[in-house]
Amino acid sequence: MSHDIAADGARVWHYPPPLKPGDRLRVIAPSGALRELESFNQGIEVWRSWGFGVDISPGTREQWGYLAGSDANRRHQLGHALADPTYKGILCARGGYGGTRLLEGWQWPAMPPKWLIGFSDITSLLWSLGKQGIVGVHGPLLTTLAAEPEWSQQRLKNLVMGHGLPSLHGEGWSQGTAEGRLWPANLTVATHLLGTAHEPDLTGAILAFEDVTEAPYRIDRMLTHWRLAGKFSQVKGIALGRFSRCEPPDGVPSFAVAEVLRDRLGDLGIPVVANLPFGHDGDNAALPVGAMARLDGGAGRLEILPTV
């Protein structure tokens, strides 16, 4: 992959330089309090086994309520990891909640691009960074990486080392193909960026949504908000990953989550592909935020396009 992506109007997108063995990476905890210490350490060992140096930011084990320390501490971790030229990439410890709090009054420093890797709550940082024209990685966190199957771990490694990625295959819900910039996200986190200074321009985008522990009516409410805000009229396609633990409890009148997704997305007149292997509670294929992609609704395929 080259470092530059084709221009979006006045915006030129950049891939961070490909990582190589010996590069150093910085661990930060920008969101929820770290609890899963065993899986966290296992995730670090995966990165080290690939030949990278991994340093842990002071304060990653702090706790302030449900957050991994104060906003000031977590913002300092992010700022230091960005500013220190020693580090070529930033590994997020876990998701949870808290990333959006760091964006209050936040300005991304002028600096060479470097990798930011995470998903779930890290959507807030990835989308804000993407608004600056820098590609990040929606992919396994340190607390989830060791549990990923070998193909998924290799996909993440290949992505940050500048290699091409195979297509992902799911279930096509509508015919047609579309090409656009890929914006992978946790639906809940992305919804709460709408109307803020960190909402990116989604004109011509392919959205890729996943979520966890959201009841079908809450999924409905969020997608209806996107519709009422006119956001889906801007996008070219929608890719859906896993919506895990989102089914209603027994005995409660409800739609299934798949029914809600079909109802709220099926009449948009754009390609929709569901059941792609990314999200919580299962395989979580790494996806580059801001890369050009092709979505094929008939074949049920999401393809990351090579850069030129």
Protein backbone atom coordinates (compact mmCIF):
# COMPACT_ATOMS: atom_id res chain seq x y z
CA MET A 1 0.00 0.00 0.00
CA SER A 2 1.19 3.48 -0.74
CA HIS A 3 0.90 6.12 1.93
CA ASP A 4 -1.40 8.41 -0.05
CA ILE A 5 -4.93 7.67 -1.16
CA ALA A 6 -6.73 9.52 -3.94
CA ALA A 7 -7.96 12.96 -3.02
CA ASP A 8 -11.44 13.60 -1.56
CA GLY A 9 -11.90 17.10 -2.93
CA ALA A 10 -9.25 19.12 -1.11
CA ARG A 11 -8.57 16.24 1.31
CA VAL A 12 -5.72 13.84 0.66
CA TRP A 13 -5.94 10.62 2.63
CA HIS A 14 -2.87 8.98 4.10
CA TYR A 15 -2.07 5.48 5.20
CA PRO A 16 0.51 5.50 8.00
CA PRO A 17 3.83 4.01 6.87
CA PRO A 18 3.76 0.19 6.92
CA LEU A 19 5.10 -1.29 10.13
CA LYS A 20 8.21 -3.43 10.03
CA PRO A 21 9.75 -5.75 12.62
CA GLY A 22 11.59 -3.76 15.25
CA ASP A 23 9.13 -0.86 15.20
CA ARG A 24 7.87 0.23 18.60
CA LEU A 25 4.19 0.50 19.51
CA ARG A 26 2.55 2.30 22.42
CA VAL A 27 -0.31 0.87 24.49
CA ILE A 28 -2.98 3.27 25.75
CA ALA A 29 -6.26 2.84 27.64
CA PRO A 30 -8.48 5.66 26.31
CA SER A 31 -11.84 4.19 27.28
CA GLY A 32 -13.12 1.78 29.92
CA ALA A 33 -11.28 0.55 32.99
CA LEU A 34 -9.01 -2.40 32.26
CA ARG A 35 -10.28 -5.59 33.90
CA GLU A 36 -9.23 -8.41 31.58
CA LEU A 37 -5.56 -8.51 32.54
CA GLU A 38 -4.85 -12.02 31.27
CA SER A 39 -6.25 -11.41 27.80
CA PHE A 40 -4.62 -7.97 27.76
CA ASN A 41 -1.19 -9.49 28.39
CA GLN A 42 -1.86 -12.22 25.82
CA GLY A 43 -2.67 -9.55 23.23
CA ILE A 44 0.61 -7.78 23.92
CA GLU A 45 2.48 -11.05 23.45
CA VAL A 46 0.85 -11.54 20.03
CA TRP A 47 2.22 -8.19 18.86
CA ARG A 48 5.65 -8.98 20.33
CA SER A 49 5.64 -12.37 18.59
CA TRP A 50 5.32 -10.48 15.31
CA GLY A 51 8.60 -8.72 16.05
CA PHE A 52 7.34 -5.39 17.39
CA GLY A 53 8.42 -3.65 20.57
CA VAL A 54 5.45 -2.87 22.80
CA ASP A 55 5.57 -0.27 25.58
CA ILE A 56 2.71 0.30 28.00
CA SER A 57 1.75 3.86 28.89
CA PRO A 58 1.80 4.72 32.59
CA GLY A 59 -1.72 4.94 33.91
CA THR A 60 -3.31 2.19 31.82
CA ARG A 61 -4.28 0.34 35.02
CA GLU A 62 -5.90 3.38 36.64
CA GLN A 63 -9.62 3.44 37.33
CA TRP A 64 -12.07 6.29 37.77
CA GLY A 65 -15.55 4.85 37.96
CA TYR A 66 -16.08 2.96 34.70
CA LEU A 67 -13.22 4.83 33.02
CA ALA A 68 -9.52 3.93 32.79
CA GLY A 69 -8.53 6.92 34.88
CA SER A 70 -9.37 10.59 34.55
CA ASP A 71 -10.02 12.25 31.21
CA ALA A 72 -6.78 14.19 31.67
CA ASN A 73 -4.79 10.99 32.19
CA ARG A 74 -6.34 9.20 29.23
CA ARG A 75 -5.97 12.25 26.98
CA HIS A 76 -2.32 12.52 28.03
CA GLN A 77 -1.73 8.88 27.07
CA LEU A 78 -3.13 9.53 23.61
CA GLY A 79 -1.28 12.79 23.13
CA HIS A 80 2.07 11.37 24.26
CA ALA A 81 1.74 8.31 22.02
CA LEU A 82 0.98 10.55 19.05
CA ALA A 83 3.74 13.05 19.72
CA ASP A 84 6.60 10.64 20.51
CA PRO A 85 8.34 9.75 17.22
CA THR A 86 9.64 6.56 18.85
CA TYR A 87 6.22 4.98 18.32
CA LYS A 88 4.89 4.02 14.90
CA GLY A 89 1.53 2.77 16.12
CA ILE A 90 -0.94 2.97 19.01
CA LEU A 91 -2.61 -0.14 20.47
CA CYS A 92 -5.81 0.42 22.43
CA ALA A 93 -6.22 -1.77 25.48
CA ARG A 94 -9.99 -2.21 25.45
CA GLY A 95 -13.25 -0.51 24.56
CA GLY A 96 -16.10 0.11 26.96
CA TYR A 97 -16.83 3.82 27.12
CA GLY A 98 -14.84 7.03 27.34
CA GLY A 99 -13.26 7.82 23.98
CA THR A 100 -15.76 10.54 23.11
CA ARG A 101 -14.95 12.35 26.37
CA LEU A 102 -11.37 12.78 25.14
CA LEU A 103 -12.62 14.62 22.06
CA GLU A 104 -14.01 17.59 23.99
CA GLY A 105 -11.74 20.45 23.02
CA TRP A 106 -9.37 17.99 21.31
CA GLN A 107 -7.19 18.94 18.35
CA TRP A 108 -5.18 16.30 16.52
CA PRO A 109 -1.54 17.42 16.46
CA ALA A 110 0.19 18.11 13.16
CA MET A 111 2.35 15.03 12.84
CA PRO A 112 3.26 12.22 10.46
CA PRO A 113 0.43 9.67 10.47
CA LYS A 114 0.74 6.62 12.69
CA TRP A 115 -1.46 3.58 13.17
CA LEU A 116 -4.34 3.69 15.66
CA ILE A 117 -5.84 0.25 16.28
CA GLY A 118 -9.04 -0.71 18.07
CA PHE A 119 -12.80 -1.02 17.71
CA SER A 120 -16.04 -0.66 19.65
CA ASP A 121 -15.68 2.53 21.73
CA ILE A 122 -12.48 3.34 19.81
CA THR A 123 -14.80 4.22 16.90
CA SER A 124 -14.91 7.74 18.35
CA LEU A 125 -11.16 8.21 17.96
CA LEU A 126 -10.96 6.38 14.62
CA TRP A 127 -13.69 8.51 13.06
CA SER A 128 -12.26 11.74 14.42
CA LEU A 129 -8.82 10.76 13.12
CA GLY A 130 -10.36 9.78 9.81
CA LYS A 131 -11.84 13.25 9.52
CA GLN A 132 -8.21 14.41 9.40
CA GLY A 133 -7.61 12.14 6.39
CA ILE A 134 -5.61 9.48 8.26
CA VAL A 135 -6.47 5.81 7.89
CA GLY A 136 -6.87 3.87 11.14
CA VAL A 137 -7.68 0.24 11.88
CA HIS A 138 -11.06 -0.96 13.09
CA GLY A 139 -9.81 -4.25 14.48
CA PRO A 140 -9.02 -6.34 17.54
CA LEU A 141 -8.17 -4.67 20.83
CA LEU A 142 -5.40 -5.97 23.06
CA THR A 143 -8.01 -7.68 25.25
CA THR A 144 -9.55 -9.50 22.26
CA LEU A 145 -6.62 -10.17 19.91
CA ALA A 146 -5.39 -13.47 21.40
CA ALA A 147 -8.86 -15.02 21.03
CA GLU A 148 -9.02 -14.22 17.31
CA PRO A 149 -8.54 -17.10 14.86
CA GLU A 150 -5.24 -17.27 13.03
CA TRP A 151 -6.65 -15.84 9.80
CA SER A 152 -7.96 -12.77 11.61
CA GLN A 153 -4.68 -12.17 13.44
CA GLN A 154 -2.81 -12.52 10.15
CA ARG A 155 -5.21 -10.09 8.47
CA LEU A 156 -4.46 -7.44 11.09
CA LYS A 157 -0.72 -8.03 10.76
CA ASN A 158 -0.93 -7.83 6.97
CA LEU A 159 -2.90 -4.60 7.09
CA VAL A 160 -0.45 -2.69 9.26
CA MET A 161 2.54 -4.12 7.37
CA GLY A 162 1.19 -2.82 4.08
CA HIS A 163 -0.03 -6.01 2.44
CA GLY A 164 -3.26 -6.51 0.55
CA LEU A 165 -6.37 -7.91 2.20
CA PRO A 166 -8.70 -10.65 0.92
CA SER A 167 -12.38 -9.87 0.47
CA LEU A 168 -14.88 -10.60 3.23
CA HIS A 169 -18.01 -12.57 2.44
CA GLY A 170 -21.44 -12.29 4.00
CA GLU A 171 -25.08 -12.35 2.93
CA GLY A 172 -26.27 -9.99 0.22
CA TRP A 173 -29.54 -8.30 1.13
CA SER A 174 -29.86 -6.13 -1.97
CA GLN A 175 -28.51 -6.12 -5.49
CA GLY A 176 -26.01 -3.68 -6.93
CA THR A 177 -22.44 -2.66 -6.29
CA ALA A 178 -20.95 0.49 -4.84
CA GLU A 179 -17.50 1.96 -4.33
CA GLY A 180 -16.65 4.48 -1.67
CA ARG A 181 -14.64 5.20 1.44
CA LEU A 182 -15.16 2.62 4.14
CA TRP A 183 -16.23 3.85 7.58
CA PRO A 184 -16.36 0.87 9.98
CA ALA A 185 -17.95 1.64 13.32
CA ASN A 186 -19.83 0.60 16.37
CA LEU A 187 -23.33 1.83 15.54
CA THR A 188 -24.00 3.31 18.98
CA VAL A 189 -20.74 5.25 19.12
CA ALA A 190 -21.05 6.50 15.54
CA THR A 191 -24.64 7.62 16.13
CA HIS A 192 -23.50 9.79 19.02
CA LEU A 193 -20.92 11.53 16.82
CA LEU A 194 -23.62 12.84 14.47
CA GLY A 195 -23.98 16.59 14.77
CA THR A 196 -20.63 17.01 16.53
CA ALA A 197 -17.40 18.54 15.30
CA HIS A 198 -16.02 15.01 14.95
CA GLU A 199 -18.64 13.74 12.52
CA PRO A 200 -16.82 13.04 9.25
CA ASP A 201 -18.14 13.82 5.80
CA LEU A 202 -19.92 10.61 4.84
CA THR A 203 -20.81 11.66 1.31
CA GLY A 204 -20.26 8.65 -0.95
CA ALA A 205 -19.28 6.44 1.98
CA ILE A 206 -19.73 2.75 2.62
CA LEU A 207 -20.74 2.37 6.25
CA ALA A 208 -19.82 -0.80 8.13
CA PHE A 209 -21.75 -1.23 11.37
CA GLU A 210 -21.59 -3.66 14.29
CA ASP A 211 -22.92 -3.56 17.84
CA VAL A 212 -23.35 -5.51 21.05
CA THR A 213 -25.94 -5.68 23.87
CA GLU A 214 -28.35 -3.26 22.21
CA ALA A 215 -32.03 -4.29 22.21
CA PRO A 216 -33.76 -4.33 18.81
CA TYR A 217 -35.82 -1.23 19.64
CA ARG A 218 -32.62 0.69 20.43
CA ILE A 219 -31.08 -0.41 17.12
CA ASP A 220 -34.32 0.77 15.48
CA ARG A 221 -34.11 4.11 17.31
CA MET A 222 -30.54 4.74 16.19
CA LEU A 223 -31.14 3.80 12.56
CA THR A 224 -34.28 5.92 12.53
CA HIS A 225 -32.18 8.83 13.78
CA TRP A 226 -29.79 8.34 10.83
CA ARG A 227 -32.80 8.35 8.50
CA LEU A 228 -34.38 11.46 10.01
CA ALA A 229 -31.01 13.25 9.89
CA GLY A 230 -30.74 12.47 6.18
CA LYS A 231 -27.44 10.68 6.61
CA PHE A 232 -28.31 7.54 4.66
CA SER A 233 -29.15 9.64 1.61
CA GLN A 234 -25.43 10.48 1.39
CA VAL A 235 -24.00 6.95 1.51
CA LYS A 236 -23.47 4.41 -1.26
CA GLY A 237 -23.67 1.14 0.65
CA ILE A 238 -23.94 -0.45 4.09
CA ALA A 239 -21.99 -3.47 5.36
CA LEU A 240 -23.19 -5.17 8.53
CA GLY A 241 -21.08 -7.20 10.88
CA ARG A 242 -22.19 -8.98 14.02
CA PHE A 243 -24.96 -7.61 16.24
CA SER A 244 -24.24 -9.86 19.19
CA ARG A 245 -26.36 -10.22 22.30
CA CYS A 246 -28.92 -7.92 20.66
CA GLU A 247 -31.89 -10.30 20.64
CA PRO A 248 -34.92 -9.49 22.81
CA PRO A 249 -35.61 -11.45 25.99
CA ASP A 250 -38.10 -14.30 25.82
CA GLY A 251 -41.73 -13.33 26.28
CA VAL A 252 -41.28 -9.67 25.28
CA PRO A 253 -43.05 -8.53 22.07
CA SER A 254 -40.30 -7.53 19.69
CA PHE A 255 -38.78 -7.78 16.26
CA ALA A 256 -35.59 -9.79 15.92
CA VAL A 257 -32.55 -7.61 15.37
CA ALA A 258 -32.20 -8.89 11.77
CA GLU A 259 -35.79 -7.83 11.10
CA VAL A 260 -35.05 -4.34 12.38
CA LEU A 261 -31.94 -4.06 10.22
CA ARG A 262 -33.83 -5.18 7.11
CA ASP A 263 -36.73 -2.85 7.83
CA ARG A 264 -34.64 0.26 8.45
CA LEU A 265 -32.03 -0.36 5.71
CA GLY A 266 -33.80 -2.41 3.07
CA ASP A 267 -35.61 0.47 1.35
CA LEU A 268 -32.62 2.78 0.89
CA GLY A 269 -31.94 1.66 -2.67
CA ILE A 270 -28.27 0.94 -1.99
CA PRO A 271 -26.32 -2.32 -1.63
CA VAL A 272 -26.55 -3.88 1.84
CA VAL A 273 -24.44 -6.88 2.86
CA ALA A 274 -25.02 -8.54 6.25
CA ASN A 275 -23.37 -11.18 8.43
CA LEU A 276 -19.82 -10.13 7.64
CA PRO A 277 -17.16 -11.46 10.05
CA PHE A 278 -16.46 -8.41 12.19
CA GLY A 279 -17.69 -7.16 15.54
CA HIS A 280 -17.93 -8.44 19.11
CA ASP A 281 -18.16 -12.04 20.32
CA GLY A 282 -16.54 -13.72 17.35
CA ASP A 283 -14.18 -13.24 14.43
CA ASN A 284 -13.33 -9.55 14.08
CA ALA A 285 -11.71 -8.95 10.70
CA ALA A 286 -9.55 -5.83 10.64
CA LEU A 287 -10.91 -3.07 8.39
CA PRO A 288 -9.08 0.12 7.36
CA VAL A 289 -11.06 3.23 8.24
CA GLY A 290 -11.10 5.53 5.21
CA ALA A 291 -9.81 3.07 2.63
CA MET A 292 -11.58 2.76 -0.70
CA ALA A 293 -13.81 -0.30 -0.81
CA ARG A 294 -16.26 -2.05 -3.09
CA LEU A 295 -19.50 -3.55 -1.76
CA ASP A 296 -21.29 -6.12 -3.90
CA GLY A 297 -24.85 -6.64 -2.70
CA GLY A 298 -25.52 -9.51 -5.06
CA ALA A 299 -22.42 -11.51 -4.21
CA GLY A 300 -22.43 -10.51 -0.52
CA ARG A 301 -18.83 -9.33 -0.74
CA LEU A 302 -16.83 -6.47 0.82
CA GLU A 303 -13.54 -5.79 -0.96
CA ILE A 304 -10.79 -3.40 0.14
CA LEU A 305 -9.47 -1.79 -3.03
CA PRO A 306 -5.72 -1.46 -3.60
CA THR A 307 -4.24 2.00 -3.44
CA VAL A 308 -2.58 3.54 -6.45
